[in-house]
PDB file of N, CA and C in Angstrom:
ATOM      1  N   GLU A   1      65.729  64.217 143.576  1.00  0.00           N
ATOM      2  CA  GLU A   1      65.858  63.255 142.820  1.00  0.00           C
ATOM      3  C   GLU A   1      65.255  61.822 143.501  1.00  0.00           C
ATOM      4  N   GLU A   2      64.614  61.390 142.350  1.00  0.00           N
ATOM      5  CA  GLU A   2      64.124  60.180 142.903  1.00  0.00           C
ATOM      6  C   GLU A   2      65.078  59.101 143.086  1.00  0.00           C
ATOM      7  N   GLY A   3      64.655  58.093 144.117  1.00  0.00           N
ATOM      8  CA  GLY A   3      65.627  57.044 144.765  1.00  0.00           C
ATOM      9  C   GLY A   3      65.059  56.453 145.692  1.00  0.00           C
ATOM     10  N   ILE A   4      65.922  55.316 146.190  1.00  0.00           N
ATOM     11  CA  ILE A   4      65.424  54.626 147.301  1.00  0.00           C
ATOM     12  C   ILE A   4      66.289  54.643 148.448  1.00  0.00           C
ATOM     13  N   TYR A   5      65.450  55.556 149.161  1.00  0.00           N
ATOM     14  CA  TYR A   5      66.086  56.145 150.507  1.00  0.00           C
ATOM     15  C   TYR A   5      65.768  55.593 151.783  1.00  0.00           C
ATOM     16  N   PRO A   6      66.542  54.651 152.461  1.00  0.00           N
ATOM     17  CA  PRO A   6      66.129  54.092 153.621  1.00  0.00           C
ATOM     18  C   PRO A   6      66.390  55.185 154.709  1.00  0.00           C
ATOM     19  N   PHE A   7      65.401  54.793 155.879  1.00  0.00           N
ATOM     20  CA  PHE A   7      65.413  55.542 157.087  1.00  0.00           C
ATOM     21  C   PHE A   7      65.580  54.534 158.238  1.00  0.00           C
ATOM     22  N   TRP A   8      66.145  55.130 159.308  1.00  0.00           N
ATOM     23  CA  TRP A   8      66.217  54.384 160.662  1.00  0.00           C
ATOM     24  C   TRP A   8      65.889  55.049 161.863  1.00  0.00           C
ATOM     25  N   MET A   9      65.671  54.200 162.756  1.00  0.00           N
ATOM     26  CA  MET A   9      64.839  54.959 163.968  1.00  0.00           C
ATOM     27  C   MET A   9      66.096  55.721 165.001  1.00  0.00           C
ATOM     28  N   LYS A  10      67.299  55.626 164.552  1.00  0.00           N
ATOM     29  CA  LYS A  10      68.488  55.940 165.464  1.00  0.00           C
ATOM     30  C   LYS A  10      67.947  57.311 166.377  1.00  0.00           C
ATOM     31  N   ASP A  11      68.308  57.059 167.787  1.00  0.00           N
ATOM     32  CA  ASP A  11      67.833  58.282 168.533  1.00  0.00           C
ATOM     33  C   ASP A  11      66.550  58.733 168.572  1.00  0.00           C
ATOM     34  N   MET A  12      65.630  58.236 167.889  1.00  0.00           N
ATOM     35  CA  MET A  12      64.049  58.419 167.836  1.00  0.00           C
ATOM     36  C   MET A  12      63.534  58.105 169.432  1.00  0.00           C
ATOM     37  N   LEU A  13      62.608  58.795 169.684  1.00  0.00           N
ATOM     38  CA  LEU A  13      62.197  58.927 171.177  1.00  0.00           C
ATOM     39  C   LEU A  13      60.631  58.442 170.963  1.00  0.00           C
ATOM     40  N   PHE A  14      60.151  58.112 169.688  1.00  0.00           N
ATOM     41  CA  PHE A  14      58.552  58.046 169.630  1.00  0.00           C
ATOM     42  C   PHE A  14      58.253  57.342 168.453  1.00  0.00           C
ATOM     43  N   SER A  15      57.353  56.623 168.203  1.00  0.00           N
ATOM     44  CA  SER A  15      56.946  55.913 166.866  1.00  0.00           C
ATOM     45  C   SER A  15      56.334  57.124 165.730  1.00  0.00           C
ATOM     46  N   ILE A  16      56.739  56.680 164.456  1.00  0.00           N
ATOM     47  CA  ILE A  16      56.331  57.372 163.244  1.00  0.00           C
ATOM     48  C   ILE A  16      55.685  56.591 162.326  1.00  0.00           C
ATOM     49  N   ASP A  17      54.822  57.150 161.454  1.00  0.00           N
ATOM     50  CA  ASP A  17      54.534  56.652 160.076  1.00  0.00           C
ATOM     51  C   ASP A  17      55.502  57.290 158.936  1.00  0.00           C
ATOM     52  N   ILE A  18      56.064  56.413 158.224  1.00  0.00           N
ATOM     53  CA  ILE A  18      56.796  57.108 156.894  1.00  0.00           C
ATOM     54  C   ILE A  18      56.052  56.887 155.870  1.00  0.00           C
ATOM     55  N   ILE A  19      56.142  58.036 154.927  1.00  0.00           N
ATOM     56  CA  ILE A  19      55.223  58.043 153.934  1.00  0.00           C
ATOM     57  C   ILE A  19      56.153  58.416 152.678  1.00  0.00           C
ATOM     58  N   TRP A  20      56.370  57.607 151.719  1.00  0.00           N
ATOM     59  CA  TRP A  20      57.338  57.953 150.485  1.00  0.00           C
ATOM     60  C   TRP A  20      56.256  58.336 149.529  1.00  0.00           C
ATOM     61  N   ILE A  21      57.072  59.593 148.744  1.00  0.00           N
ATOM     62  CA  ILE A  21      55.922  60.152 147.697  1.00  0.00           C
ATOM     63  C   ILE A  21      56.852  60.573 146.230  1.00  0.00           C
ATOM     64  N   ASP A  22      56.250  60.041 145.330  1.00  0.00           N
ATOM     65  CA  ASP A  22      57.214  60.316 144.360  1.00  0.00           C
ATOM     66  C   ASP A  22      56.993  61.647 143.473  1.00  0.00           C
ATOM     67  N   SER A  23      57.834  61.809 142.325  1.00  0.00           N
ATOM     68  CA  SER A  23      57.690  63.163 141.861  1.00  0.00           C
ATOM     69  C   SER A  23      56.398  63.694 141.145  1.00  0.00           C
ATOM     70  N   ASP A  24      55.334  62.794 141.070  1.00  0.00           N
ATOM     71  CA  ASP A  24      54.171  63.147 140.781  1.00  0.00           C
ATOM     72  C   ASP A  24      53.201  63.179 142.157  1.00  0.00           C
ATOM     73  N   ARG A  25      53.817  63.528 143.169  1.00  0.00           N
ATOM     74  CA  ARG A  25      53.219  63.544 144.062  1.00  0.00           C
ATOM     75  C   ARG A  25      52.267  62.248 144.843  1.00  0.00           C
ATOM     76  N   LYS A  26      52.358  61.026 144.283  1.00  0.00           N
ATOM     77  CA  LYS A  26      51.474  60.014 144.752  1.00  0.00           C
ATOM     78  C   LYS A  26      52.391  59.342 145.755  1.00  0.00           C
ATOM     79  N   VAL A  27      51.699  58.698 146.620  1.00  0.00           N
ATOM     80  CA  VAL A  27      52.379  57.721 147.673  1.00  0.00           C
ATOM     81  C   VAL A  27      52.763  56.555 147.038  1.00  0.00           C
ATOM     82  N   VAL A  28      54.051  56.279 147.196  1.00  0.00           N
ATOM     83  CA  VAL A  28      54.440  54.872 146.790  1.00  0.00           C
ATOM     84  C   VAL A  28      54.684  53.922 147.652  1.00  0.00           C
ATOM     85  N   ASP A  29      54.875  54.192 148.837  1.00  0.00           N
ATOM     86  CA  ASP A  29      55.029  53.135 149.893  1.00  0.00           C
ATOM     87  C   ASP A  29      54.666  53.970 151.263  1.00  0.00           C
ATOM     88  N   ILE A  30      54.423  53.113 152.185  1.00  0.00           N
ATOM     89  CA  ILE A  30      53.926  53.449 153.635  1.00  0.00           C
ATOM     90  C   ILE A  30      54.703  52.426 154.650  1.00  0.00           C
ATOM     91  N   ALA A  31      55.400  53.049 155.682  1.00  0.00           N
ATOM     92  CA  ALA A  31      55.825  52.098 156.639  1.00  0.00           C
ATOM     93  C   ALA A  31      55.083  52.613 158.066  1.00  0.00           C
ATOM     94  N   PRO A  32      53.788  52.204 158.476  1.00  0.00           N
ATOM     95  CA  PRO A  32      53.237  52.805 159.581  1.00  0.00           C
ATOM     96  C   PRO A  32      53.794  52.138 161.114  1.00  0.00           C
ATOM     97  N   ASP A  33      53.790  53.072 161.984  1.00  0.00           N
ATOM     98  CA  ASP A  33      53.874  52.820 163.167  1.00  0.00           C
ATOM     99  C   ASP A  33      55.236  52.328 163.613  1.00  0.00           C
ATOM    100  N   VAL A  34      56.370  53.060 162.957  1.00  0.00           N
ATOM    101  CA  VAL A  34      57.659  52.276 162.997  1.00  0.00           C
ATOM    102  C   VAL A  34      58.253  52.841 164.370  1.00  0.00           C
ATOM    103  N   ALA A  35      58.470  51.912 165.149  1.00  0.00           N
ATOM    104  CA  ALA A  35      59.029  51.997 166.630  1.00  0.00           C
ATOM    105  C   ALA A  35      60.488  52.562 166.814  1.00  0.00           C
ATOM    106  N   PRO A  36      60.834  53.334 167.879  1.00  0.00           N
ATOM    107  CA  PRO A  36      62.480  53.492 168.061  1.00  0.00           C
ATOM    108  C   PRO A  36      63.035  51.886 168.208  1.00  0.00           C
ATOM    109  N   GLU A  37      62.528  51.149 168.829  1.00  0.00           N
ATOM    110  CA  GLU A  37      62.977  49.920 169.212  1.00  0.00           C
ATOM    111  C   GLU A  37      63.536  49.030 167.811  1.00  0.00           C
ATOM    112  N   THR A  38      62.749  49.598 166.594  1.00  0.00           N
ATOM    113  CA  THR A  38      63.227  48.700 165.237  1.00  0.00           C
ATOM    114  C   THR A  38      64.708  48.996 165.016  1.00  0.00           C
ATOM    115  N   TYR A  39      65.464  50.130 165.583  1.00  0.00           N
ATOM    116  CA  TYR A  39      67.083  50.475 165.216  1.00  0.00           C
ATOM    117  C   TYR A  39      67.917  49.050 165.520  1.00  0.00           C
ATOM    118  N   PRO A  40      68.739  48.854 164.573  1.00  0.00           N
ATOM    119  CA  PRO A  40      69.018  49.315 163.452  1.00  0.00           C
ATOM    120  C   PRO A  40      68.436  48.881 162.245  1.00  0.00           C
ATOM    121  N   THR A  41      67.212  48.262 162.056  1.00  0.00           N
ATOM    122  CA  THR A  41      66.632  48.043 160.899  1.00  0.00           C
ATOM    123  C   THR A  41      66.309  49.325 160.040  1.00  0.00           C
ATOM    124  N   THR A  42      66.532  49.154 158.763  1.00  0.00           N
ATOM    125  CA  THR A  42      66.155  50.260 158.025  1.00  0.00           C
ATOM    126  C   THR A  42      65.043  49.990 156.981  1.00  0.00           C
ATOM    127  N   PHE A  43      64.027  51.094 156.860  1.00  0.00           N
ATOM    128  CA  PHE A  43      62.935  51.270 155.961  1.00  0.00           C
ATOM    129  C   PHE A  43      63.072  51.720 154.645  1.00  0.00           C
ATOM    130  N   SER A  44      62.778  51.201 153.645  1.00  0.00           N
ATOM    131  CA  SER A  44      63.097  51.633 152.579  1.00  0.00           C
ATOM    132  C   SER A  44      61.689  51.557 151.636  1.00  0.00           C
ATOM    133  N   PRO A  45      61.642  52.499 150.624  1.00  0.00           N
ATOM    134  CA  PRO A  45      60.166  52.272 149.826  1.00  0.00           C
ATOM    135  C   PRO A  45      60.482  51.061 148.601  1.00  0.00           C
ATOM    136  N   SER A  46      59.362  50.626 148.081  1.00  0.00           N
ATOM    137  CA  SER A  46      59.695  49.513 147.209  1.00  0.00           C
ATOM    138  C   SER A  46      59.684  49.986 145.885  1.00  0.00           C
ATOM    139  N   THR A  47      59.429  51.085 145.433  1.00  0.00           N
ATOM    140  CA  THR A  47      59.811  51.808 144.398  1.00  0.00           C
ATOM    141  C   THR A  47      60.509  53.152 144.621  1.00  0.00           C
ATOM    142  N   PRO A  48      61.277  53.810 143.562  1.00  0.00           N
ATOM    143  CA  PRO A  48      61.795  54.998 143.969  1.00  0.00           C
ATOM    144  C   PRO A  48      60.869  56.235 144.575  1.00  0.00           C
ATOM    145  N   ALA A  49      61.369  56.971 145.326  1.00  0.00           N
ATOM    146  CA  ALA A  49      60.736  58.179 145.799  1.00  0.00           C
ATOM    147  C   ALA A  49      61.324  59.418 145.997  1.00  0.00           C
ATOM    148  N   GLN A  50      60.828  60.770 145.714  1.00  0.00           N
ATOM    149  CA  GLN A  50      61.714  61.858 145.970  1.00  0.00           C
ATOM    150  C   GLN A  50      61.273  62.550 146.904  1.00  0.00           C
ATOM    151  N   TYR A  51      60.356  62.305 148.005  1.00  0.00           N
ATOM    152  CA  TYR A  51      59.937  62.704 148.981  1.00  0.00           C
ATOM    153  C   TYR A  51      59.377  62.120 150.184  1.00  0.00           C
ATOM    154  N   VAL A  52      59.560  62.456 151.409  1.00  0.00           N
ATOM    155  CA  VAL A  52      59.367  61.585 152.486  1.00  0.00           C
ATOM    156  C   VAL A  52      58.833  62.528 153.498  1.00  0.00           C
ATOM    157  N   LEU A  53      57.654  62.026 153.841  1.00  0.00           N
ATOM    158  CA  LEU A  53      57.009  62.625 154.864  1.00  0.00           C
ATOM    159  C   LEU A  53      56.869  61.799 156.321  1.00  0.00           C
ATOM    160  N   GLU A  54      57.262  62.373 157.137  1.00  0.00           N
ATOM    161  CA  GLU A  54      57.389  61.638 158.501  1.00  0.00           C
ATOM    162  C   GLU A  54      56.125  62.367 159.277  1.00  0.00           C
ATOM    163  N   MET A  55      55.305  61.238 160.205  1.00  0.00           N
ATOM    164  CA  MET A  55      54.278  61.825 160.743  1.00  0.00           C
ATOM    165  C   MET A  55      54.036  61.066 162.120  1.00  0.00           C
ATOM    166  N   ALA A  56      53.372  61.439 162.916  1.00  0.00           N
ATOM    167  CA  ALA A  56      53.108  60.862 164.375  1.00  0.00           C
ATOM    168  C   ALA A  56      52.559  59.478 163.846  1.00  0.00           C
ATOM    169  N   ALA A  57      52.806  58.334 164.597  1.00  0.00           N
ATOM    170  CA  ALA A  57      52.236  57.094 164.370  1.00  0.00           C
ATOM    171  C   ALA A  57      50.765  57.084 164.687  1.00  0.00           C
ATOM    172  N   GLY A  58      50.058  56.549 163.412  1.00  0.00           N
ATOM    173  CA  GLY A  58      48.763  56.367 163.356  1.00  0.00           C
ATOM    174  C   GLY A  58      48.183  57.413 162.572  1.00  0.00           C
ATOM    175  N   SER A  59      48.760  58.210 162.290  1.00  0.00           N
ATOM    176  CA  SER A  59      48.353  59.550 161.209  1.00  0.00           C
ATOM    177  C   SER A  59      47.746  58.936 159.804  1.00  0.00           C
ATOM    178  N   VAL A  60      48.741  58.175 159.434  1.00  0.00           N
ATOM    179  CA  VAL A  60      48.322  57.212 158.095  1.00  0.00           C
ATOM    180  C   VAL A  60      46.818  56.671 158.109  1.00  0.00           C
ATOM    181  N   GLU A  61      46.636  55.899 159.344  1.00  0.00           N
ATOM    182  CA  GLU A  61      45.141  55.336 159.509  1.00  0.00           C
ATOM    183  C   GLU A  61      44.384  56.328 159.737  1.00  0.00           C
ATOM    184  N   ARG A  62      44.434  57.320 160.704  1.00  0.00           N
ATOM    185  CA  ARG A  62      43.457  58.421 161.006  1.00  0.00           C
ATOM    186  C   ARG A  62      43.181  59.212 159.657  1.00  0.00           C
ATOM    187  N   LEU A  63      43.976  59.457 158.816  1.00  0.00           N
ATOM    188  CA  LEU A  63      43.962  60.262 157.758  1.00  0.00           C
ATOM    189  C   LEU A  63      43.403  59.423 156.456  1.00  0.00           C
ATOM    190  N   ASP A  64      43.412  58.090 156.337  1.00  0.00           N
ATOM    191  CA  ASP A  64      43.179  57.241 155.661  1.00  0.00           C
ATOM    192  C   ASP A  64      44.092  57.288 154.242  1.00  0.00           C
ATOM    193  N   ILE A  65      45.202  57.063 154.581  1.00  0.00           N
ATOM    194  CA  ILE A  65      46.261  57.642 153.638  1.00  0.00           C
ATOM    195  C   ILE A  65      46.546  55.994 152.934  1.00  0.00           C
ATOM    196  N   HIS A  66      46.748  56.046 151.349  1.00  0.00           N
ATOM    197  CA  HIS A  66      46.961  54.627 150.934  1.00  0.00           C
ATOM    198  C   HIS A  66      47.783  54.987 149.989  1.00  0.00           C
ATOM    199  N   ARG A  67      48.575  53.997 149.610  1.00  0.00           N
ATOM    200  CA  ARG A  67      49.568  53.709 148.189  1.00  0.00           C
ATOM    201  C   ARG A  67      48.403  54.169 147.204  1.00  0.00           C
ATOM    202  N   GLY A  68      48.979  55.068 146.113  1.00  0.00           N
ATOM    203  CA  GLY A  68      48.316  55.631 144.901  1.00  0.00           C
ATOM    204  C   GLY A  68      47.904  57.018 145.128  1.00  0.00           C
ATOM    205  N   ASP A  69      47.782  57.544 146.597  1.00  0.00           N
ATOM    206  CA  ASP A  69      46.770  58.490 147.038  1.00  0.00           C
ATOM    207  C   ASP A  69      47.907  59.662 146.371  1.00  0.00           C
ATOM    208  N   GLU A  70      47.171  60.709 145.967  1.00  0.00           N
ATOM    209  CA  GLU A  70      48.067  62.053 145.677  1.00  0.00           C
ATOM    210  C   GLU A  70      48.005  62.972 146.971  1.00  0.00           C
ATOM    211  N   ILE A  71      49.335  63.369 147.070  1.00  0.00           N
ATOM    212  CA  ILE A  71      49.517  64.360 148.233  1.00  0.00           C
ATOM    213  C   ILE A  71      49.665  65.972 147.737  1.00  0.00           C
ATOM    214  N   LEU A  72      48.911  66.771 148.174  1.00  0.00           N
ATOM    215  CA  LEU A  72      49.018  68.073 147.770  1.00  0.00           C
ATOM    216  C   LEU A  72      49.922  68.679 148.473  1.00  0.00           C
ATOM    217  N   MET A  73      50.786  69.565 147.949  1.00  0.00           N
ATOM    218  CA  MET A  73      51.886  70.285 148.819  1.00  0.00           C
ATOM    219  C   MET A  73      51.955  71.577 148.492  1.00  0.00           C
ATOM    220  N   LYS A  74      51.972  72.432 149.597  1.00  0.00           N
ATOM    221  CA  LYS A  74      52.317  73.889 149.524  1.00  0.00           C
ATOM    222  C   LYS A  74      53.732  74.047 150.046  1.00  0.00           C
ATOM    223  N   PHE A  75      54.480  75.030 149.408  1.00  0.00           N
ATOM    224  CA  PHE A  75      55.750  75.283 149.990  1.00  0.00           C
ATOM    225  C   PHE A  75      55.783  76.727 149.660  1.00  0.00           C
TER     226      PHE A  75
END
């Protein structure tokens, strides 16, 4: 279900990129290079999302991912 789901970096040991994706598989928000030291700050999308993809920090830049991009998912 779509919603505003916050994330924090409690107990994380490395930085990540956080990508929020809506039910149409469109990227609705991105938090790049979120470091463990940011805890207890929370990170939330600006609009509702149904999915969240956590990737190694720098992946968003390396893969040239932007808001509005469509994510192809296979389950």
